[in-house]
């Protein structure tokens, strides 16, 4: 029985970082893997590979799989993506052909959710700010004089979007002493309760929460979703955490609110990325900006490869993907 023909399609740097020797060996064990890495479908070597390929293992840097590319890949039946979102390369032409698609979004959700929960806990005790002040003063706070609103006991955490990451954050919050609210237009009260959260309106989420963690995908209807009115409605000293996409927030309104010290913010994503040097968020002591590090990095990339290899193995054995991406659910995927 002949084995399926597969190829790697991503930036060479991505392939080197994500697909280590063990992953490559595992892929070759279950399919006939073309030599090299495709990062340009117009390269001289691409036509021969595309002509025979049945499955593409894609990653960051994969060019779009548009109609012209698919016309040169008549046997292509599946795409296994080693990262989260497939919007950058899986086009309408792929869905129209009926190409099966899977991604490692579930694996990438793990470190993002861990980051969000860590920041929720750290922000409750103002760990980063108090460490900065301790370094400057070389003197401990009097623990009995710490303001009564500091701490994590009984805080209310609002989760914006029950996306894959949002749901995982809710699950990770279960052992902690929080009230958890969630807003998602696709989630009803019973479904929210099953997750361990209370379903609320968008306005109520921002007005009631001590911390709002944003996990909504960037879509035309969510661009600027967290605007001036919602930010103004947040409780004094509330914290806004964004690990989704920078453009979901109105950053000018956020800078005004954090600049006065009324609220705080933790941003792993901005718009643009990186912010220009003179942007006020850079120098705002009430804002922590991290360099889009919540997602898979370092040894966490191995988790992406393991999921992708497992999906290729399933597909090569004639089984359905365990983590399929469905066209109709793209609007609900971050």
C-alpha atoms as a PDB file:
ATOM      1  CA  UNK A   1       0.000   0.000   0.000  1.00  0.00           C
ATOM      2  CA  UNK A   2       1.472   3.347  -1.037  1.00  0.00           C
ATOM      3  CA  UNK A   3       1.993   5.981   1.621  1.00  0.00           C
ATOM      4  CA  UNK A   4       0.559   9.489   1.417  1.00  0.00           C
ATOM      5  CA  UNK A   5       2.812  12.175   0.007  1.00  0.00           C
ATOM      6  CA  UNK A   6       3.363  15.105   2.401  1.00  0.00           C
ATOM      7  CA  UNK A   7       5.418  18.296   2.465  1.00  0.00           C
ATOM      8  CA  UNK A   8       6.432  20.957   4.980  1.00  0.00           C
ATOM      9  CA  UNK A   9       5.177  24.465   4.119  1.00  0.00           C
ATOM     10  CA  UNK A  10       6.368  27.236   6.433  1.00  0.00           C
ATOM     11  CA  UNK A  11       9.303  29.561   6.944  1.00  0.00           C
ATOM     12  CA  UNK A  12      12.575  27.584   7.247  1.00  0.00           C
ATOM     13  CA  UNK A  13      13.228  29.191  10.643  1.00  0.00           C
ATOM     14  CA  UNK A  14       9.827  28.003  11.824  1.00  0.00           C
ATOM     15  CA  UNK A  15      10.480  24.464  10.650  1.00  0.00           C
ATOM     16  CA  UNK A  16      13.846  24.396  12.403  1.00  0.00           C
ATOM     17  CA  UNK A  17      12.338  25.666  15.665  1.00  0.00           C
ATOM     18  CA  UNK A  18       9.109  23.643  15.754  1.00  0.00           C
ATOM     19  CA  UNK A  19       9.943  20.380  14.006  1.00  0.00           C
ATOM     20  CA  UNK A  20      12.963  18.869  15.723  1.00  0.00           C
ATOM     21  CA  UNK A  21      14.655  15.656  14.612  1.00  0.00           C
ATOM     22  CA  UNK A  22      12.228  13.549  16.600  1.00  0.00           C
ATOM     23  CA  UNK A  23       9.208  15.176  14.986  1.00  0.00           C
ATOM     24  CA  UNK A  24      10.669  14.814  11.502  1.00  0.00           C
ATOM     25  CA  UNK A  25      11.439  11.150  12.124  1.00  0.00           C
ATOM     26  CA  UNK A  26       7.876  10.582  13.349  1.00  0.00           C
ATOM     27  CA  UNK A  27       6.439  12.268  10.242  1.00  0.00           C
ATOM     28  CA  UNK A  28       8.602  10.175   7.914  1.00  0.00           C
ATOM     29  CA  UNK A  29       7.442   7.076   9.742  1.00  0.00           C
ATOM     30  CA  UNK A  30       3.833   7.575   8.616  1.00  0.00           C
ATOM     31  CA  UNK A  31       4.102   9.411   5.280  1.00  0.00           C
ATOM     32  CA  UNK A  32       6.356   9.988   2.301  1.00  0.00           C
ATOM     33  CA  UNK A  33       7.767  13.391   3.230  1.00  0.00           C
ATOM     34  CA  UNK A  34       9.204  15.609   0.492  1.00  0.00           C
ATOM     35  CA  UNK A  35      12.697  16.965   1.031  1.00  0.00           C
ATOM     36  CA  UNK A  36      13.151  20.573   2.050  1.00  0.00           C
ATOM     37  CA  UNK A  37      10.725  23.226   3.202  1.00  0.00           C
ATOM     38  CA  UNK A  38       8.304  25.163   1.013  1.00  0.00           C
ATOM     39  CA  UNK A  39       8.154  28.843   1.933  1.00  0.00           C
ATOM     40  CA  UNK A  40       7.449  30.153  -1.566  1.00  0.00           C
ATOM     41  CA  UNK A  41       4.947  28.382  -3.784  1.00  0.00           C
ATOM     42  CA  UNK A  42       6.410  30.215  -6.788  1.00  0.00           C
ATOM     43  CA  UNK A  43       9.925  28.808  -6.295  1.00  0.00           C
ATOM     44  CA  UNK A  44      11.452  26.550  -8.996  1.00  0.00           C
ATOM     45  CA  UNK A  45      11.167  23.484  -6.746  1.00  0.00           C
ATOM     46  CA  UNK A  46       7.550  24.076  -5.730  1.00  0.00           C
ATOM     47  CA  UNK A  47       5.650  22.765  -8.800  1.00  0.00           C
ATOM     48  CA  UNK A  48       7.032  19.226  -8.549  1.00  0.00           C
ATOM     49  CA  UNK A  49       6.244  19.028  -4.834  1.00  0.00           C
ATOM     50  CA  UNK A  50       2.775  20.541  -5.177  1.00  0.00           C
ATOM     51  CA  UNK A  51       1.871  18.242  -8.063  1.00  0.00           C
ATOM     52  CA  UNK A  52       2.075  15.136  -5.877  1.00  0.00           C
ATOM     53  CA  UNK A  53       1.371  16.404  -2.371  1.00  0.00           C
ATOM     54  CA  UNK A  54      -1.679  15.086  -0.522  1.00  0.00           C
ATOM     55  CA  UNK A  55      -1.013  16.687   2.854  1.00  0.00           C
ATOM     56  CA  UNK A  56       0.755  19.905   3.871  1.00  0.00           C
ATOM     57  CA  UNK A  57       2.242  20.388   7.316  1.00  0.00           C
ATOM     58  CA  UNK A  58       2.103  24.164   7.674  1.00  0.00           C
ATOM     59  CA  UNK A  59       3.386  26.707  10.165  1.00  0.00           C
ATOM     60  CA  UNK A  60       4.229  30.355  10.648  1.00  0.00           C
ATOM     61  CA  UNK A  61       5.386  31.760   7.319  1.00  0.00           C
ATOM     62  CA  UNK A  62       3.302  29.492   5.095  1.00  0.00           C
ATOM     63  CA  UNK A  63       2.128  31.452   2.035  1.00  0.00           C
ATOM     64  CA  UNK A  64      -1.635  31.593   1.308  1.00  0.00           C
ATOM     65  CA  UNK A  65      -3.128  28.513  -0.301  1.00  0.00           C
ATOM     66  CA  UNK A  66      -5.092  30.417  -2.919  1.00  0.00           C
ATOM     67  CA  UNK A  67      -6.770  29.158  -6.114  1.00  0.00           C
ATOM     68  CA  UNK A  68      -3.603  29.343  -8.220  1.00  0.00           C
ATOM     69  CA  UNK A  69      -1.635  27.290  -5.695  1.00  0.00           C
ATOM     70  CA  UNK A  70      -4.405  24.702  -5.354  1.00  0.00           C
ATOM     71  CA  UNK A  71      -4.605  24.374  -9.135  1.00  0.00           C
ATOM     72  CA  UNK A  72      -0.993  23.171  -9.004  1.00  0.00           C
ATOM     73  CA  UNK A  73      -1.788  20.814  -6.101  1.00  0.00           C
ATOM     74  CA  UNK A  74      -4.603  18.657  -7.533  1.00  0.00           C
ATOM     75  CA  UNK A  75      -4.152  15.858  -4.974  1.00  0.00           C
ATOM     76  CA  UNK A  76      -4.023  18.033  -1.829  1.00  0.00           C
ATOM     77  CA  UNK A  77      -6.597  16.751   0.675  1.00  0.00           C
ATOM     78  CA  UNK A  78      -5.455  17.920   4.101  1.00  0.00           C
ATOM     79  CA  UNK A  79      -3.602  20.676   5.967  1.00  0.00           C
ATOM     80  CA  UNK A  80      -2.065  20.136   9.410  1.00  0.00           C
ATOM     81  CA  UNK A  81      -1.089  23.468  10.953  1.00  0.00           C
ATOM     82  CA  UNK A  82       1.583  23.510  13.658  1.00  0.00           C
ATOM     83  CA  UNK A  83       0.308  26.760  15.177  1.00  0.00           C
ATOM     84  CA  UNK A  84      -3.042  28.286  16.130  1.00  0.00           C
ATOM     85  CA  UNK A  85      -4.952  30.411  13.651  1.00  0.00           C
ATOM     86  CA  UNK A  86      -5.184  29.172  10.048  1.00  0.00           C
ATOM     87  CA  UNK A  87      -6.612  32.430   8.686  1.00  0.00           C
ATOM     88  CA  UNK A  88      -3.316  33.558   7.200  1.00  0.00           C
ATOM     89  CA  UNK A  89      -2.952  30.688   4.745  1.00  0.00           C
ATOM     90  CA  UNK A  90      -6.131  28.577   4.541  1.00  0.00           C
ATOM     91  CA  UNK A  91      -8.248  30.479   2.011  1.00  0.00           C
ATOM     92  CA  UNK A  92     -11.835  30.173   0.809  1.00  0.00           C
ATOM     93  CA  UNK A  93     -10.515  28.065  -2.065  1.00  0.00           C
ATOM     94  CA  UNK A  94      -9.396  25.432   0.460  1.00  0.00           C
ATOM     95  CA  UNK A  95     -12.823  25.239   2.062  1.00  0.00           C
ATOM     96  CA  UNK A  96     -14.538  25.127  -1.332  1.00  0.00           C
ATOM     97  CA  UNK A  97     -12.418  22.154  -2.342  1.00  0.00           C
ATOM     98  CA  UNK A  98     -13.261  20.381   0.917  1.00  0.00           C
ATOM     99  CA  UNK A  99      -9.699  20.159   2.181  1.00  0.00           C
ATOM    100  CA  UNK A 100      -9.588  18.834   5.754  1.00  0.00           C
ATOM    101  CA  UNK A 101      -7.876  21.247   8.144  1.00  0.00           C
ATOM    102  CA  UNK A 102      -6.538  20.846  11.658  1.00  0.00           C
ATOM    103  CA  UNK A 103      -4.392  23.082  13.839  1.00  0.00           C
ATOM    104  CA  UNK A 104      -2.380  23.014  17.047  1.00  0.00           C
ATOM    105  CA  UNK A 105      -4.563  25.725  18.575  1.00  0.00           C
ATOM    106  CA  UNK A 106      -5.374  23.446  21.520  1.00  0.00           C
ATOM    107  CA  UNK A 107      -1.671  23.044  22.264  1.00  0.00           C
ATOM    108  CA  UNK A 108      -0.965  26.751  21.856  1.00  0.00           C
ATOM    109  CA  UNK A 109      -3.849  27.585  24.197  1.00  0.00           C
ATOM    110  CA  UNK A 110      -2.002  25.991  27.120  1.00  0.00           C
ATOM    111  CA  UNK A 111       0.774  28.581  27.665  1.00  0.00           C
ATOM    112  CA  UNK A 112      -1.508  31.513  26.800  1.00  0.00           C
ATOM    113  CA  UNK A 113      -3.996  30.451  29.466  1.00  0.00           C
ATOM    114  CA  UNK A 114      -1.169  29.871  31.951  1.00  0.00           C
ATOM    115  CA  UNK A 115       0.135  33.388  31.292  1.00  0.00           C
ATOM    116  CA  UNK A 116      -3.321  34.908  31.784  1.00  0.00           C
ATOM    117  CA  UNK A 117      -3.903  33.104  35.074  1.00  0.00           C
ATOM    118  CA  UNK A 118      -0.422  33.994  36.325  1.00  0.00           C
ATOM    119  CA  UNK A 119      -1.037  37.661  35.570  1.00  0.00           C
ATOM    120  CA  UNK A 120      -4.461  37.558  37.232  1.00  0.00           C
ATOM    121  CA  UNK A 121      -2.865  36.219  40.417  1.00  0.00           C
ATOM    122  CA  UNK A 122       0.156  38.538  40.327  1.00  0.00           C
ATOM    123  CA  UNK A 123      -1.960  41.609  39.656  1.00  0.00           C
ATOM    124  CA  UNK A 124      -4.209  40.865  42.625  1.00  0.00           C
ATOM    125  CA  UNK A 125      -1.298  41.300  45.019  1.00  0.00           C
ATOM    126  CA  UNK A 126       0.343  44.010  42.868  1.00  0.00           C
ATOM    127  CA  UNK A 127       3.456  41.830  42.821  1.00  0.00           C
ATOM    128  CA  UNK A 128       5.266  43.568  39.967  1.00  0.00           C
ATOM    129  CA  UNK A 129       4.602  47.096  41.210  1.00  0.00           C
ATOM    130  CA  UNK A 130       5.459  46.268  44.810  1.00  0.00           C
ATOM    131  CA  UNK A 131       8.678  44.520  43.722  1.00  0.00           C
ATOM    132  CA  UNK A 132       9.656  47.672  41.826  1.00  0.00           C
ATOM    133  CA  UNK A 133       8.936  49.837  44.871  1.00  0.00           C
ATOM    134  CA  UNK A 134      10.805  47.418  47.155  1.00  0.00           C
ATOM    135  CA  UNK A 135      13.874  47.586  44.911  1.00  0.00           C
ATOM    136  CA  UNK A 136      13.801  51.392  45.055  1.00  0.00           C
ATOM    137  CA  UNK A 137      13.112  51.762  48.795  1.00  0.00           C
ATOM    138  CA  UNK A 138      15.002  48.685  50.088  1.00  0.00           C
ATOM    139  CA  UNK A 139      12.280  48.459  52.727  1.00  0.00           C
ATOM    140  CA  UNK A 140       9.408  45.978  53.154  1.00  0.00           C
ATOM    141  CA  UNK A 141       5.770  46.968  53.326  1.00  0.00           C
ATOM    142  CA  UNK A 142       4.110  46.595  56.688  1.00  0.00           C
ATOM    143  CA  UNK A 143       1.883  43.564  55.914  1.00  0.00           C
ATOM    144  CA  UNK A 144      -0.807  44.836  58.297  1.00  0.00           C
ATOM    145  CA  UNK A 145      -0.897  48.217  56.545  1.00  0.00           C
ATOM    146  CA  UNK A 146      -1.480  46.808  53.061  1.00  0.00           C
ATOM    147  CA  UNK A 147      -4.772  48.220  51.689  1.00  0.00           C
ATOM    148  CA  UNK A 148      -7.715  45.875  52.211  1.00  0.00           C
ATOM    149  CA  UNK A 149      -8.584  45.775  48.512  1.00  0.00           C
ATOM    150  CA  UNK A 150      -5.265  44.090  47.649  1.00  0.00           C
ATOM    151  CA  UNK A 151      -5.180  40.313  47.385  1.00  0.00           C
ATOM    152  CA  UNK A 152      -6.970  37.547  45.531  1.00  0.00           C
ATOM    153  CA  UNK A 153      -9.625  36.530  48.051  1.00  0.00           C
ATOM    154  CA  UNK A 154     -13.069  36.776  46.473  1.00  0.00           C
ATOM    155  CA  UNK A 155     -12.028  38.831  43.462  1.00  0.00           C
ATOM    156  CA  UNK A 156     -14.238  38.878  40.395  1.00  0.00           C
ATOM    157  CA  UNK A 157     -12.574  37.847  37.140  1.00  0.00           C
ATOM    158  CA  UNK A 158     -14.272  38.541  33.827  1.00  0.00           C
ATOM    159  CA  UNK A 159     -13.438  36.462  30.771  1.00  0.00           C
ATOM    160  CA  UNK A 160     -14.187  38.113  27.452  1.00  0.00           C
ATOM    161  CA  UNK A 161     -14.980  35.274  25.027  1.00  0.00           C
ATOM    162  CA  UNK A 162     -15.379  31.579  25.711  1.00  0.00           C
ATOM    163  CA  UNK A 163     -12.813  30.803  23.046  1.00  0.00           C
ATOM    164  CA  UNK A 164     -10.548  27.791  23.385  1.00  0.00           C
ATOM    165  CA  UNK A 165      -8.157  29.880  25.476  1.00  0.00           C
ATOM    166  CA  UNK A 166     -10.940  31.596  27.407  1.00  0.00           C
ATOM    167  CA  UNK A 167     -12.435  28.247  28.387  1.00  0.00           C
ATOM    168  CA  UNK A 168      -9.054  26.972  29.509  1.00  0.00           C
ATOM    169  CA  UNK A 169      -8.531  30.069  31.648  1.00  0.00           C
ATOM    170  CA  UNK A 170     -11.887  29.488  33.323  1.00  0.00           C
ATOM    171  CA  UNK A 171     -10.864  25.898  34.055  1.00  0.00           C
ATOM    172  CA  UNK A 172      -7.514  26.952  35.524  1.00  0.00           C
ATOM    173  CA  UNK A 173      -9.259  29.478  37.770  1.00  0.00           C
ATOM    174  CA  UNK A 174     -11.405  26.784  39.441  1.00  0.00           C
ATOM    175  CA  UNK A 175      -8.978  26.011  42.312  1.00  0.00           C
ATOM    176  CA  UNK A 176      -8.743  29.699  43.217  1.00  0.00           C
ATOM    177  CA  UNK A 177     -11.078  31.799  45.308  1.00  0.00           C
ATOM    178  CA  UNK A 178     -12.588  33.844  42.468  1.00  0.00           C
ATOM    179  CA  UNK A 179     -16.003  34.682  41.129  1.00  0.00           C
ATOM    180  CA  UNK A 180     -15.807  34.129  37.368  1.00  0.00           C
ATOM    181  CA  UNK A 181     -17.950  35.974  34.837  1.00  0.00           C
ATOM    182  CA  UNK A 182     -17.943  35.340  31.107  1.00  0.00           C
ATOM    183  CA  UNK A 183     -19.308  37.178  28.114  1.00  0.00           C
ATOM    184  CA  UNK A 184     -19.655  35.439  24.785  1.00  0.00           C
ATOM    185  CA  UNK A 185     -22.567  35.976  22.375  1.00  0.00           C
ATOM    186  CA  UNK A 186     -22.393  32.293  21.417  1.00  0.00           C
ATOM    187  CA  UNK A 187     -22.685  31.042  25.022  1.00  0.00           C
ATOM    188  CA  UNK A 188     -25.900  30.718  27.018  1.00  0.00           C
ATOM    189  CA  UNK A 189     -26.322  30.749  30.790  1.00  0.00           C
ATOM    190  CA  UNK A 190     -26.479  26.961  31.148  1.00  0.00           C
ATOM    191  CA  UNK A 191     -23.321  26.464  29.083  1.00  0.00           C
ATOM    192  CA  UNK A 192     -21.504  29.114  31.109  1.00  0.00           C
ATOM    193  CA  UNK A 193     -22.568  27.468  34.354  1.00  0.00           C
ATOM    194  CA  UNK A 194     -21.254  24.151  33.099  1.00  0.00           C
ATOM    195  CA  UNK A 195     -17.889  25.825  32.532  1.00  0.00           C
ATOM    196  CA  UNK A 196     -17.993  27.211  36.067  1.00  0.00           C
ATOM    197  CA  UNK A 197     -18.811  30.832  35.240  1.00  0.00           C
ATOM    198  CA  UNK A 198     -21.743  33.241  35.193  1.00  0.00           C
ATOM    199  CA  UNK A 199     -22.848  34.486  31.778  1.00  0.00           C
ATOM    200  CA  UNK A 200     -23.243  38.269  31.709  1.00  0.00           C
ATOM    201  CA  UNK A 201     -23.605  41.069  29.184  1.00  0.00           C
ATOM    202  CA  UNK A 202     -20.533  42.841  27.856  1.00  0.00           C
ATOM    203  CA  UNK A 203     -21.316  45.966  29.874  1.00  0.00           C
ATOM    204  CA  UNK A 204     -21.848  43.955  33.054  1.00  0.00           C
ATOM    205  CA  UNK A 205     -18.578  42.077  32.564  1.00  0.00           C
ATOM    206  CA  UNK A 206     -16.593  45.322  32.610  1.00  0.00           C
ATOM    207  CA  UNK A 207     -18.608  47.001  35.355  1.00  0.00           C
ATOM    208  CA  UNK A 208     -18.465  44.068  37.803  1.00  0.00           C
ATOM    209  CA  UNK A 209     -14.972  42.641  37.283  1.00  0.00           C
ATOM    210  CA  UNK A 210     -11.813  43.366  39.235  1.00  0.00           C
ATOM    211  CA  UNK A 211      -9.897  41.820  36.337  1.00  0.00           C
ATOM    212  CA  UNK A 212     -10.986  41.487  32.716  1.00  0.00           C
ATOM    213  CA  UNK A 213      -9.013  39.016  30.605  1.00  0.00           C
ATOM    214  CA  UNK A 214      -9.551  39.411  26.853  1.00  0.00           C
ATOM    215  CA  UNK A 215      -9.633  36.271  24.703  1.00  0.00           C
ATOM    216  CA  UNK A 216     -11.813  37.316  21.782  1.00  0.00           C
ATOM    217  CA  UNK A 217     -10.686  36.710  18.190  1.00  0.00           C
ATOM    218  CA  UNK A 218      -9.953  39.714  16.008  1.00  0.00           C
ATOM    219  CA  UNK A 219     -12.813  39.974  13.518  1.00  0.00           C
ATOM    220  CA  UNK A 220     -14.340  42.983  11.763  1.00  0.00           C
ATOM    221  CA  UNK A 221     -17.001  43.121  14.464  1.00  0.00           C
ATOM    222  CA  UNK A 222     -14.511  42.837  17.361  1.00  0.00           C
ATOM    223  CA  UNK A 223     -12.009  45.452  16.160  1.00  0.00           C
ATOM    224  CA  UNK A 224     -12.111  48.182  18.816  1.00  0.00           C
ATOM    225  CA  UNK A 225     -14.674  46.174  20.797  1.00  0.00           C
ATOM    226  CA  UNK A 226     -13.138  47.249  24.114  1.00  0.00           C
ATOM    227  CA  UNK A 227     -13.704  50.947  23.622  1.00  0.00           C
ATOM    228  CA  UNK A 228     -13.764  54.112  25.678  1.00  0.00           C
ATOM    229  CA  UNK A 229     -17.177  53.478  27.283  1.00  0.00           C
ATOM    230  CA  UNK A 230     -16.308  49.976  28.512  1.00  0.00           C
ATOM    231  CA  UNK A 231     -12.904  51.071  29.787  1.00  0.00           C
ATOM    232  CA  UNK A 232     -14.495  54.016  31.610  1.00  0.00           C
ATOM    233  CA  UNK A 233     -16.970  51.649  33.285  1.00  0.00           C
ATOM    234  CA  UNK A 234     -14.279  49.522  34.919  1.00  0.00           C
ATOM    235  CA  UNK A 235     -13.916  49.568  38.692  1.00  0.00           C
ATOM    236  CA  UNK A 236     -11.190  51.792  40.174  1.00  0.00           C
ATOM    237  CA  UNK A 237      -7.895  49.848  40.235  1.00  0.00           C
ATOM    238  CA  UNK A 238      -9.334  47.138  37.972  1.00  0.00           C
ATOM    239  CA  UNK A 239      -6.921  45.340  35.673  1.00  0.00           C
ATOM    240  CA  UNK A 240      -7.326  44.782  31.930  1.00  0.00           C
ATOM    241  CA  UNK A 241      -5.311  41.852  30.512  1.00  0.00           C
ATOM    242  CA  UNK A 242      -5.038  41.312  26.763  1.00  0.00           C
ATOM    243  CA  UNK A 243      -3.484  38.181  25.283  1.00  0.00           C
ATOM    244  CA  UNK A 244      -5.728  38.151  22.193  1.00  0.00           C
ATOM    245  CA  UNK A 245      -5.027  40.865  19.583  1.00  0.00           C
ATOM    246  CA  UNK A 246      -4.047  44.470  20.162  1.00  0.00           C
ATOM    247  CA  UNK A 247      -6.685  45.867  17.806  1.00  0.00           C
ATOM    248  CA  UNK A 248      -9.490  44.532  20.003  1.00  0.00           C
ATOM    249  CA  UNK A 249      -8.734  47.427  22.393  1.00  0.00           C
ATOM    250  CA  UNK A 250      -8.988  51.181  21.943  1.00  0.00           C
ATOM    251  CA  UNK A 251      -5.423  51.876  23.041  1.00  0.00           C
ATOM    252  CA  UNK A 252      -5.861  55.657  23.185  1.00  0.00           C
ATOM    253  CA  UNK A 253      -8.747  55.287  25.631  1.00  0.00           C
ATOM    254  CA  UNK A 254      -6.748  52.725  27.599  1.00  0.00           C
ATOM    255  CA  UNK A 255      -3.726  55.037  27.799  1.00  0.00           C
ATOM    256  CA  UNK A 256      -5.922  57.822  29.162  1.00  0.00           C
ATOM    257  CA  UNK A 257      -7.396  55.554  31.856  1.00  0.00           C
ATOM    258  CA  UNK A 258      -4.091  54.022  32.932  1.00  0.00           C
ATOM    259  CA  UNK A 259      -2.309  57.369  32.715  1.00  0.00           C
ATOM    260  CA  UNK A 260      -4.476  58.751  35.496  1.00  0.00           C
ATOM    261  CA  UNK A 261      -3.932  55.622  37.590  1.00  0.00           C
ATOM    262  CA  UNK A 262      -7.627  54.770  37.579  1.00  0.00           C
ATOM    263  CA  UNK A 263      -7.050  51.261  36.147  1.00  0.00           C
ATOM    264  CA  UNK A 264      -4.080  49.052  35.316  1.00  0.00           C
ATOM    265  CA  UNK A 265      -3.294  47.006  32.214  1.00  0.00           C
ATOM    266  CA  UNK A 266      -1.190  43.991  31.236  1.00  0.00           C
ATOM    267  CA  UNK A 267      -0.695  43.747  27.485  1.00  0.00           C
ATOM    268  CA  UNK A 268       0.999  40.869  25.714  1.00  0.00           C
ATOM    269  CA  UNK A 269      -0.258  42.224  22.381  1.00  0.00           C
ATOM    270  CA  UNK A 270      -0.523  45.753  20.997  1.00  0.00           C
ATOM    271  CA  UNK A 271      -1.530  47.493  17.794  1.00  0.00           C
ATOM    272  CA  UNK A 272       0.849  47.900  16.105  1.00  0.00           C
ATOM    273  CA  UNK A 273       3.292  45.363  17.399  1.00  0.00           C
ATOM    274  CA  UNK A 274       5.742  46.867  18.404  1.00  0.00           C
ATOM    275  CA  UNK A 275       4.309  50.207  19.630  1.00  0.00           C
ATOM    276  CA  UNK A 276       6.144  53.306  18.331  1.00  0.00           C
ATOM    277  CA  UNK A 277       8.865  54.632  20.682  1.00  0.00           C
ATOM    278  CA  UNK A 278       6.895  57.676  21.862  1.00  0.00           C
ATOM    279  CA  UNK A 279       3.688  55.865  22.724  1.00  0.00           C
ATOM    280  CA  UNK A 280       2.511  56.761  26.250  1.00  0.00           C
ATOM    281  CA  UNK A 281       1.889  53.131  27.198  1.00  0.00           C
ATOM    282  CA  UNK A 282       5.646  52.488  27.169  1.00  0.00           C
ATOM    283  CA  UNK A 283       6.307  54.837  30.085  1.00  0.00           C
ATOM    284  CA  UNK A 284       3.097  54.282  32.052  1.00  0.00           C
ATOM    285  CA  UNK A 285       3.837  52.728  35.449  1.00  0.00           C
ATOM    286  CA  UNK A 286       0.309  51.285  35.484  1.00  0.00           C
ATOM    287  CA  UNK A 287       0.937  49.234  32.346  1.00  0.00           C
ATOM    288  CA  UNK A 288       3.021  46.099  31.837  1.00  0.00           C
ATOM    289  CA  UNK A 289       3.805  45.308  28.194  1.00  0.00           C
ATOM    290  CA  UNK A 290       5.325  41.935  27.361  1.00  0.00           C
ATOM    291  CA  UNK A 291       6.639  41.001  23.893  1.00  0.00           C
ATOM    292  CA  UNK A 292       3.879  38.626  22.692  1.00  0.00           C
ATOM    293  CA  UNK A 293       5.406  35.850  24.764  1.00  0.00           C
ATOM    294  CA  UNK A 294       2.260  34.203  26.120  1.00  0.00           C
ATOM    295  CA  UNK A 295       2.008  31.797  23.188  1.00  0.00           C
ATOM    296  CA  UNK A 296       4.244  28.803  22.625  1.00  0.00           C
ATOM    297  CA  UNK A 297       7.966  29.506  22.865  1.00  0.00           C
ATOM    298  CA  UNK A 298      11.098  27.560  23.783  1.00  0.00           C
ATOM    299  CA  UNK A 299      10.305  24.037  24.942  1.00  0.00           C
ATOM    300  CA  UNK A 300       6.571  24.747  24.527  1.00  0.00           C
ATOM    301  CA  UNK A 301       7.043  24.460  20.755  1.00  0.00           C
ATOM    302  CA  UNK A 302       7.462  20.729  21.300  1.00  0.00           C
ATOM    303  CA  UNK A 303       3.805  20.549  22.313  1.00  0.00           C
ATOM    304  CA  UNK A 304       2.807  22.019  18.932  1.00  0.00           C
ATOM    305  CA  UNK A 305       4.907  19.474  17.073  1.00  0.00           C
ATOM    306  CA  UNK A 306       3.552  16.570  19.105  1.00  0.00           C
ATOM    307  CA  UNK A 307      -0.039  17.524  18.350  1.00  0.00           C
ATOM    308  CA  UNK A 308       0.723  17.988  14.648  1.00  0.00           C
ATOM    309  CA  UNK A 309       2.497  14.644  14.403  1.00  0.00           C
ATOM    310  CA  UNK A 310      -0.428  12.940  16.156  1.00  0.00           C
ATOM    311  CA  UNK A 311      -2.845  14.485  13.654  1.00  0.00           C
ATOM    312  CA  UNK A 312      -0.733  13.409  10.674  1.00  0.00           C
ATOM    313  CA  UNK A 313      -0.562   9.908  12.124  1.00  0.00           C
ATOM    314  CA  UNK A 314      -4.338   9.772  12.495  1.00  0.00           C
ATOM    315  CA  UNK A 315      -4.889  11.043   8.958  1.00  0.00           C
ATOM    316  CA  UNK A 316      -2.371   8.626   7.455  1.00  0.00           C
ATOM    317  CA  UNK A 317      -4.250   5.773   9.159  1.00  0.00           C
ATOM    318  CA  UNK A 318      -7.520   6.921   7.603  1.00  0.00           C
ATOM    319  CA  UNK A 319      -8.928   8.424  10.791  1.00  0.00           C
ATOM    320  CA  UNK A 320     -10.570  11.816  11.283  1.00  0.00           C
ATOM    321  CA  UNK A 321      -8.594  14.629  12.843  1.00  0.00           C
ATOM    322  CA  UNK A 322      -8.905  14.966  16.620  1.00  0.00           C
ATOM    323  CA  UNK A 323      -8.714  18.782  16.382  1.00  0.00           C
ATOM    324  CA  UNK A 324     -10.468  19.727  13.148  1.00  0.00           C
ATOM    325  CA  UNK A 325     -10.929  23.337  12.111  1.00  0.00           C
ATOM    326  CA  UNK A 326     -14.401  23.924  10.699  1.00  0.00           C
ATOM    327  CA  UNK A 327     -15.127  26.706   8.254  1.00  0.00           C
ATOM    328  CA  UNK A 328     -18.320  27.736  10.033  1.00  0.00           C
ATOM    329  CA  UNK A 329     -16.487  28.182  13.357  1.00  0.00           C
ATOM    330  CA  UNK A 330     -13.686  30.440  12.100  1.00  0.00           C
ATOM    331  CA  UNK A 331     -15.496  33.430  13.562  1.00  0.00           C
ATOM    332  CA  UNK A 332     -15.232  31.906  17.034  1.00  0.00           C
ATOM    333  CA  UNK A 333     -11.550  31.003  16.903  1.00  0.00           C
ATOM    334  CA  UNK A 334      -8.918  33.447  18.136  1.00  0.00           C
END
